[in-house]
Protein backbone atom coordinates (compact mmCIF):
# COMPACT_ATOMS: atom_id res chain seq x y z
CA MET A 1 39.24 52.98 5.17
CA SER A 2 39.21 49.82 7.27
CA ASP A 3 35.44 50.12 7.74
CA ILE A 4 34.79 49.92 3.99
CA ILE A 5 33.29 46.59 2.98
CA ASP A 6 35.16 44.78 0.20
CA PRO A 7 33.17 45.06 -3.05
CA LEU A 8 31.90 42.02 -4.98
CA ILE A 9 34.02 41.83 -8.15
CA PRO A 10 33.00 39.27 -10.80
CA PRO A 11 35.60 37.56 -13.00
CA HIS A 12 36.54 39.07 -16.39
CA ARG A 13 33.77 38.68 -19.01
CA PHE A 14 31.45 37.10 -16.45
CA GLU A 15 27.96 36.30 -17.75
CA ARG A 16 25.01 34.08 -16.94
CA VAL A 17 24.48 31.43 -19.63
CA GLN A 18 21.43 29.65 -18.18
CA ASN A 19 19.92 29.24 -14.77
CA GLN A 20 22.80 28.19 -12.46
CA VAL A 21 25.27 28.08 -15.38
CA TYR A 22 27.88 30.89 -15.61
CA ARG A 23 30.84 31.71 -17.85
CA GLY A 24 33.86 34.05 -17.67
CA GLY A 25 37.64 34.36 -17.42
CA TYR A 26 40.11 32.82 -15.01
CA PRO A 27 39.12 33.76 -11.42
CA LYS A 28 41.56 35.86 -9.42
CA HIS A 29 41.77 36.25 -5.67
CA ARG A 30 39.63 39.40 -5.82
CA ASN A 31 36.83 37.37 -7.45
CA PHE A 32 36.55 34.69 -4.77
CA ARG A 33 34.11 36.58 -2.57
CA PHE A 34 31.81 37.09 -5.57
CA LEU A 35 32.00 33.39 -6.55
CA ARG A 36 31.27 32.38 -2.95
CA ARG A 37 27.93 34.21 -3.17
CA LEU A 38 26.93 32.02 -6.16
CA GLY A 39 27.01 28.83 -4.07
CA LEU A 40 28.92 26.94 -6.76
CA LYS A 41 29.19 23.16 -6.81
CA THR A 42 31.49 22.82 -9.84
CA ILE A 43 34.17 24.90 -11.59
CA VAL A 44 35.31 23.74 -15.06
CA SER A 45 38.72 25.09 -16.10
CA LEU A 46 39.60 24.97 -19.86
CA ILE A 47 43.22 26.08 -19.62
CA PRO A 48 46.69 24.91 -20.76
CA GLY A 49 47.76 24.15 -17.19
CA ASP A 50 47.15 25.21 -13.61
CA GLN A 51 48.05 28.89 -13.32
CA ASP A 52 48.36 29.13 -9.54
CA SER A 53 47.33 27.33 -6.40
CA ALA A 54 44.94 30.04 -5.14
CA LEU A 55 41.96 28.75 -7.13
CA ALA A 56 42.62 25.15 -6.03
CA GLU A 57 42.77 26.23 -2.38
CA PHE A 58 39.57 28.24 -2.76
CA CYS A 59 37.71 25.22 -4.21
CA ALA A 60 38.99 22.94 -1.46
CA ARG A 61 37.99 25.43 1.24
CA GLU A 62 34.49 25.98 -0.16
CA GLY A 63 33.82 22.35 -1.01
CA ILE A 64 33.65 23.03 -4.77
CA GLU A 65 34.49 20.29 -7.27
CA ARG A 66 37.06 21.51 -9.75
CA VAL A 67 37.37 19.82 -13.16
CA CYS A 68 40.46 20.75 -15.22
CA MET A 69 40.60 20.00 -18.99
CA GLN A 70 43.81 20.57 -20.90
CA VAL A 71 43.16 23.08 -23.72
CA GLU A 72 45.90 25.04 -25.46
CA SER A 73 45.53 28.76 -26.03
CA PRO A 74 44.11 29.44 -29.51
CA ASN A 75 46.08 31.40 -32.08
CA GLU A 76 43.76 32.07 -34.99
CA ASN A 77 42.70 28.46 -34.75
CA VAL A 78 40.57 26.13 -32.63
CA THR A 79 42.39 24.01 -30.08
CA LEU A 80 39.29 22.27 -28.71
CA LYS A 81 38.48 18.62 -29.40
CA ASP A 82 35.04 17.05 -29.76
CA GLN A 83 35.58 14.84 -26.71
CA VAL A 84 36.50 17.84 -24.53
CA VAL A 85 33.39 19.75 -25.64
CA SER A 86 31.17 16.67 -25.07
CA ARG A 87 32.55 16.15 -21.57
CA CYS A 88 32.04 19.82 -20.73
CA LEU A 89 28.44 19.77 -22.05
CA GLY A 90 27.73 16.66 -19.95
CA LEU A 91 28.73 18.59 -16.81
CA MET A 92 26.84 21.74 -17.80
CA THR A 93 23.57 19.80 -18.26
CA ASP A 94 23.81 17.69 -15.10
CA PRO A 95 21.45 19.00 -12.37
CA HIS A 96 23.68 17.45 -9.69
CA LYS A 97 26.66 19.59 -10.81
CA LEU A 98 24.83 22.93 -10.75
CA PRO A 99 25.51 25.76 -10.00
CA LEU A 100 28.52 25.59 -12.35
CA TYR A 101 31.11 28.08 -13.57
CA VAL A 102 33.05 27.37 -16.80
CA HIS A 103 36.03 29.50 -17.78
CA CYS A 104 39.15 29.71 -19.92
CA LEU A 105 42.00 32.19 -19.63
CA ASP A 106 40.17 35.28 -20.90
CA GLY A 107 36.59 34.00 -21.14
CA SER A 108 36.38 34.62 -24.87
CA ASN A 109 37.38 32.13 -27.59
CA VAL A 110 37.54 28.73 -25.89
CA THR A 111 34.59 29.34 -23.58
CA GLY A 112 32.67 30.98 -26.47
CA VAL A 113 33.02 27.91 -28.71
CA VAL A 114 31.78 25.61 -25.92
CA VAL A 115 28.74 27.83 -25.35
CA MET A 116 28.00 27.85 -29.11
CA CYS A 117 27.94 24.04 -29.08
CA LEU A 118 25.57 24.17 -26.12
CA ARG A 119 23.24 26.48 -28.06
CA LYS A 120 23.34 24.10 -31.01
CA LEU A 121 22.29 21.30 -28.67
CA GLN A 122 19.42 23.56 -27.56
CA LEU A 123 18.36 23.96 -31.23
CA TRP A 124 19.30 27.64 -31.52
CA ARG A 125 19.62 29.12 -34.98
CA VAL A 126 23.12 29.69 -36.29
CA ALA A 127 22.71 33.47 -36.43
CA SER A 128 21.56 33.62 -32.79
CA LEU A 129 24.42 31.59 -31.36
CA GLN A 130 27.00 33.54 -33.39
CA ASN A 131 25.63 36.86 -32.19
CA GLU A 132 25.99 35.71 -28.59
CA TYR A 133 29.59 34.67 -29.31
CA LEU A 134 30.50 38.06 -30.74
CA ARG A 135 29.40 39.83 -27.56
CA PHE A 136 32.48 38.39 -25.78
CA GLU A 137 34.93 38.48 -28.69
CA GLN A 138 37.56 41.20 -28.31
CA ASP A 139 38.10 41.54 -32.07
CA GLY A 140 34.37 41.59 -32.80
CA GLU A 141 34.54 38.81 -35.39
CA ILE A 142 34.33 35.03 -35.60
CA ILE A 143 36.99 33.19 -37.57
CA PRO A 144 36.01 30.54 -40.16
CA GLU A 145 37.66 27.76 -38.17
CA GLU A 146 35.37 28.42 -35.21
CA SER A 147 32.23 28.51 -37.37
CA GLU A 148 33.27 25.29 -39.10
CA PHE A 149 33.98 23.53 -35.78
CA VAL A 150 30.51 24.32 -34.43
CA GLU A 151 28.85 23.33 -37.70
CA MET A 152 30.66 19.98 -37.83
CA TYR A 153 30.19 19.14 -34.16
CA ALA A 154 27.93 16.04 -34.04
CA GLY A 155 28.20 15.13 -30.35
CA ALA A 156 30.90 12.45 -30.47
CA GLY A 157 31.16 10.94 -27.00
CA LEU A 158 28.33 13.10 -25.62
CA VAL A 159 26.28 11.20 -23.02
CA LEU A 160 23.67 13.43 -21.43
CA PRO A 161 22.59 12.82 -17.83
CA ASN A 162 19.19 11.35 -17.16
CA PRO A 163 17.44 13.40 -15.99
CA TYR A 164 19.08 16.42 -17.57
CA ALA A 165 18.76 20.09 -16.61
CA ASP A 166 15.34 21.65 -17.16
CA TYR A 167 16.69 24.51 -19.26
CA LEU A 168 17.97 22.18 -22.00
CA TRP A 169 14.64 21.41 -23.70
CA PRO A 170 11.79 23.03 -21.77
CA GLY A 171 8.57 21.08 -21.96
CA ARG A 172 10.30 17.87 -23.09
CA PRO A 173 10.87 15.65 -20.05
CA PRO A 174 13.42 12.83 -20.36
CA ALA A 175 12.18 9.37 -21.20
CA ASP A 176 13.88 6.18 -22.38
CA GLY A 177 15.64 8.19 -25.11
CA LEU A 178 16.09 11.74 -26.32
CA PRO A 179 12.77 13.60 -26.69
CA PHE A 180 12.92 13.67 -30.47
CA GLN A 181 11.48 11.57 -33.24
CA GLY A 182 13.28 8.26 -33.30
CA GLY A 183 15.23 9.22 -30.15
CA THR A 184 17.88 11.01 -32.23
CA HIS A 185 18.84 14.67 -31.96
CA PRO A 186 18.16 16.42 -35.31
CA VAL A 187 21.48 18.37 -35.47
CA VAL A 188 23.65 16.51 -32.91
CA PRO A 189 22.94 12.93 -34.01
CA LEU A 190 25.66 11.23 -31.94
CA ALA A 191 24.35 12.52 -28.62
CA ARG A 192 22.99 9.81 -26.34
CA LEU A 193 20.98 9.77 -23.14
CA ARG A 194 22.34 7.88 -20.16
CA PRO A 195 19.99 5.03 -19.13
CA ARG A 196 17.93 5.92 -16.11
CA ALA A 197 19.00 4.09 -12.99
CA ALA A 198 16.40 1.64 -11.74
CA ALA A 199 14.66 3.01 -8.67
CA ALA A 200 15.08 0.88 -5.58
CA GLU A 201 11.83 -0.73 -4.53
CA PRO A 202 10.68 0.30 -1.08
CA PRO A 203 10.65 -2.49 1.49
CA VAL A 204 7.34 -4.26 1.75
CA ALA A 205 5.91 -4.05 5.23
CA PRO A 206 4.55 -7.35 6.57
CA LYS A 207 0.81 -7.56 6.44
CA ARG A 208 -0.92 -7.56 9.80
CA ALA A 209 -3.45 -10.28 10.31
CA ALA A 210 -7.01 -9.02 10.45
CA THR A 211 -8.53 -9.20 13.90
CA ASP A 212 -12.02 -10.59 14.28
CA PRO A 213 -13.95 -8.25 16.61
CA SER A 214 -15.95 -11.13 18.04
CA THR A 215 -12.78 -13.13 18.76
CA HIS A 216 -11.14 -10.08 20.34
CA ASP A 217 -14.15 -9.48 22.57
CA SER A 218 -14.32 -13.10 23.66
CA ALA A 219 -10.56 -13.20 24.29
CA SER A 220 -10.83 -10.13 26.50
CA ARG A 221 -13.36 -11.98 28.63
CA ALA A 222 -11.15 -15.05 28.97
CA ALA A 223 -10.34 -16.36 32.42
CA PRO A 224 -7.11 -15.06 34.05
CA GLY A 225 -4.07 -17.09 33.03
CA SER A 226 -5.66 -18.47 29.86
CA SER A 227 -4.30 -17.69 26.41
CA PRO A 228 -6.47 -16.08 23.71
CA ALA A 229 -6.68 -19.44 21.97
CA GLN A 230 -8.27 -20.95 25.11
CA ALA A 231 -10.74 -18.13 25.59
CA PRO A 232 -14.40 -19.20 25.55
CA CYS A 233 -16.17 -18.61 22.29
CA ARG A 234 -19.57 -19.25 20.90
CA ALA A 235 -20.19 -22.89 20.11
CA GLN A 236 -20.79 -23.75 16.49
CA PRO A 237 -23.13 -26.52 15.33
CA PRO A 238 -21.30 -29.65 14.17
CA GLU A 239 -21.21 -30.19 10.45
CA ALA A 240 -22.92 -33.13 8.94
CA ALA A 241 -20.66 -36.00 7.95
CA PRO A 242 -20.27 -36.76 4.23
CA GLY A 243 -23.18 -38.79 3.02
CA MET A 244 -25.38 -37.85 5.98
CA PRO A 245 -28.87 -36.57 5.05
CA SER A 246 -29.51 -32.89 5.58
CA ASP A 247 -32.19 -33.60 8.20
CA GLN A 248 -29.87 -35.79 10.28
CA GLY A 249 -27.89 -34.45 13.26
CA VAL A 250 -25.65 -35.79 16.01
CA SER A 251 -26.84 -36.61 19.50
CA ALA A 252 -24.94 -35.79 22.69
CA SER A 253 -23.62 -39.37 22.78
CA GLY A 254 -22.16 -38.97 19.31
CA GLN A 255 -24.75 -41.13 17.51
CA PRO A 256 -26.41 -39.66 14.41
CA THR A 257 -30.08 -39.00 14.87
CA SER A 258 -32.64 -37.64 12.48
CA ARG A 259 -34.73 -34.64 13.36
CA VAL A 260 -37.83 -36.81 13.64
CA GLN A 261 -36.14 -39.24 16.05
CA ALA A 262 -34.79 -36.36 18.16
CA SER A 263 -38.28 -34.87 18.37
CA GLN A 264 -39.78 -38.20 19.40
CA MET A 265 -37.14 -38.70 22.06
CA ARG A 266 -37.86 -35.29 23.51
CA ASP A 267 -41.60 -36.05 23.48
CA ALA A 268 -40.80 -39.29 25.34
CA GLY A 269 -39.19 -37.27 28.13
CA ALA A 270 -35.61 -38.45 27.61
CA HIS A 271 -32.49 -36.68 26.35
CA ASP A 272 -30.48 -37.75 23.34
CA ASP A 273 -27.85 -39.33 25.64
CA GLY A 274 -30.42 -41.19 27.77
CA ARG A 275 -30.37 -38.88 30.78
CA PRO A 276 -33.79 -38.33 32.51
CA ALA A 277 -35.74 -35.24 31.62
CA GLY A 278 -35.63 -32.20 33.88
CA SER A 279 -32.14 -32.94 35.25
CA ASP A 280 -30.52 -29.99 33.55
CA ARG A 281 -33.35 -27.53 33.12
CA GLN A 282 -31.36 -24.78 34.83
CA ARG A 283 -28.41 -25.37 32.45
CA GLU A 284 -30.73 -25.33 29.44
CA GLU A 285 -32.18 -21.95 30.42
CA THR A 286 -28.73 -20.32 30.55
CA ASP A 287 -27.06 -22.28 27.75
CA VAL A 288 -26.79 -20.21 24.58
CA GLY A 289 -25.08 -22.86 22.50
CA TRP A 290 -26.15 -24.03 19.10
CA GLU A 291 -28.85 -26.35 20.55
CA ALA A 292 -30.59 -23.49 22.38
CA PRO A 293 -33.39 -23.08 19.80
CA VAL A 294 -34.23 -26.83 20.12
CA LEU A 295 -35.48 -27.22 23.68
CA ARG A 296 -35.85 -30.51 25.49
CA THR A 297 -39.22 -29.69 26.99
CA THR A 298 -41.18 -32.37 28.82
CA ALA A 299 -44.46 -32.36 30.57
CA SER A 300 -42.76 -32.87 33.94
CA ALA A 301 -40.28 -29.99 33.44
CA THR A 302 -42.67 -27.36 32.05
CA ALA A 303 -45.80 -26.23 33.83
CA LEU A 304 -48.68 -26.09 31.37
CA PRO A 305 -51.77 -24.02 31.87
CA ALA A 306 -54.85 -25.98 32.72
CA ALA A 307 -56.93 -26.79 29.67
CA ALA A 308 -60.69 -26.70 29.76
CA GLU A 309 -61.94 -30.25 30.16
CA PRO A 310 -65.27 -31.45 28.92
CA SER A 311 -67.78 -32.49 31.50
CA ASP A 312 -67.49 -36.14 30.58
CA ALA A 313 -63.70 -36.29 31.27
CA ALA A 314 -62.93 -38.87 33.89
CA ALA A 315 -59.27 -38.00 34.53
CA PRO A 316 -56.69 -35.24 33.64
CA PRO A 317 -54.58 -35.82 30.54
CA GLU A 318 -51.45 -37.83 30.99
CA PRO A 319 -48.03 -36.56 29.86
CA LEU A 320 -47.28 -37.05 26.22
CA GLY A 321 -45.23 -40.10 25.47
CA ALA A 322 -45.91 -41.63 28.91
CA SER A 323 -46.74 -45.01 27.46
CA ALA A 324 -43.58 -44.99 25.38
CA GLN A 325 -41.46 -44.00 28.38
CA GLY A 326 -43.04 -46.62 30.61
CA SER A 327 -42.56 -49.44 28.15
CA GLY A 328 -39.03 -48.37 27.23
CA ARG A 329 -39.93 -48.48 23.53
CA GLN A 330 -39.60 -45.50 21.16
CA PRO A 331 -42.23 -44.83 18.56
CA ALA A 332 -41.36 -45.42 14.97
CA ALA A 333 -39.86 -42.52 12.98
CA GLY A 334 -42.51 -40.33 11.38
CA SER A 335 -45.39 -41.57 13.62
CA ARG A 336 -47.07 -39.71 16.48
CA ALA A 337 -46.73 -41.00 20.00
CA PRO A 338 -49.83 -42.90 21.19
CA GLY A 339 -52.18 -40.99 23.43
CA PRO A 340 -53.44 -41.88 26.89
CA ALA A 341 -55.91 -44.61 27.63
CA GLY A 342 -59.31 -44.07 26.21
CA GLY A 343 -58.49 -44.34 22.55
CA ALA A 344 -56.96 -41.98 20.05
CA ASP A 345 -60.37 -41.61 18.38
CA SER A 346 -61.90 -39.94 21.42
CA PRO A 347 -62.87 -36.36 20.39
CA GLY A 348 -62.31 -34.86 23.83
CA ARG A 349 -58.89 -36.32 24.32
CA GLN A 350 -57.78 -35.45 20.76
CA ASP A 351 -58.71 -31.79 21.35
CA ARG A 352 -56.85 -31.71 24.64
CA THR A 353 -53.74 -33.19 22.94
CA GLU A 354 -53.75 -30.50 20.25
CA VAL A 355 -54.20 -27.76 22.89
CA ALA A 356 -51.30 -29.16 24.90
CA ILE A 357 -49.05 -29.24 21.83
CA ASN A 358 -49.89 -25.62 21.04
CA ASP A 359 -49.18 -24.59 24.63
CA ILE A 360 -45.84 -26.39 24.54
CA GLU A 361 -44.85 -24.52 21.35
CA GLU A 362 -45.78 -21.17 22.93
CA VAL A 363 -43.77 -21.93 26.09
CA ALA A 364 -40.80 -23.11 23.99
CA LEU A 365 -40.89 -19.87 21.98
CA SER A 366 -40.90 -17.75 25.14
CA VAL A 367 -37.96 -19.70 26.56
CA VAL A 368 -35.99 -19.18 23.32
CA ILE A 369 -36.67 -15.44 23.48
CA GLN A 370 -35.48 -15.33 27.11
CA ALA A 371 -32.31 -17.27 26.18
CA LEU A 372 -31.53 -14.85 23.38
CA ALA A 373 -32.04 -11.92 25.73
CA ILE A 374 -29.64 -13.46 28.28
CA GLU A 375 -27.11 -13.97 25.52
CA GLY A 376 -27.42 -10.32 24.46
CA LEU A 377 -26.80 -9.15 28.04
CA GLY A 378 -23.75 -11.39 28.28
CA MET A 379 -22.21 -9.89 25.11
């Protein structure tokens, strides 16, 4: 006989009311193994007083919350109060309290009246909730006092949890009020819905600064020991000062110069800062700064192809702007530099000047293309 497994014995008049909600009589020691299998969180006792300490010890051992409500045993009357029923319904509809077991002494009258009030809250018809009550009534009848109590119950002190259990009103999720017209229950008008607790806002993560790919690449090529802020980067053209014409720039010495004056100074063979031409040709070929497209090309620094000379030419053409460079004077803005000796009206010399200008433009274009190619290889 010792090898026989103890059977699972439910409490007297045990029944499932809703999902994870059960009813019945007072649990005895033989019922504890059955109740343990239900995984209960709450046991509601509607009894005159604590009958024994076995149930209290069982709840403490299993981690079950036990709620005791003082209710006298009925004797052809109803001993329940509206506040007791409302408190019990609040526990039975709270998802955090489920699974739950509610019981009285015999699981009949007191528990039956509480379940009838729950069915009224669920909008059951009177005939349906009374038929369910009679299934657990030992005499097979319902007394007028019990019917009158359920009919007059209006939900005094009933505060439903928010959110409430899904079985209460399927398809009607909780909102700011009860899911009925005007936020009032049609047959339990005093019932209220507990305000929903404000959800805690998640912490806002600090925004990461966007990284410029070009800055990151240039910083990675910085010299050892230098910070990213000191890393070499591509030079940007200086902005024009307020009030400065759009065709006016800044020379290397810091003095504003117009585009026409800068062009004339380059034709004269001198830099913007007064340095002689050809002194930094090697630096100009490898410099990819903002002045790279504007080359300081002079006749002495750039080899020009020989131009076909007419038979009557007495001497090769002189460098452009030679007279201006020799005299130290700069031509006026907007005027062309004077040509070599022989007169500007000479047809042969005028043709050679135009050919030389065209050749200079072609050489300048090829140098710009080579500079851009060197810059692309450096990237």
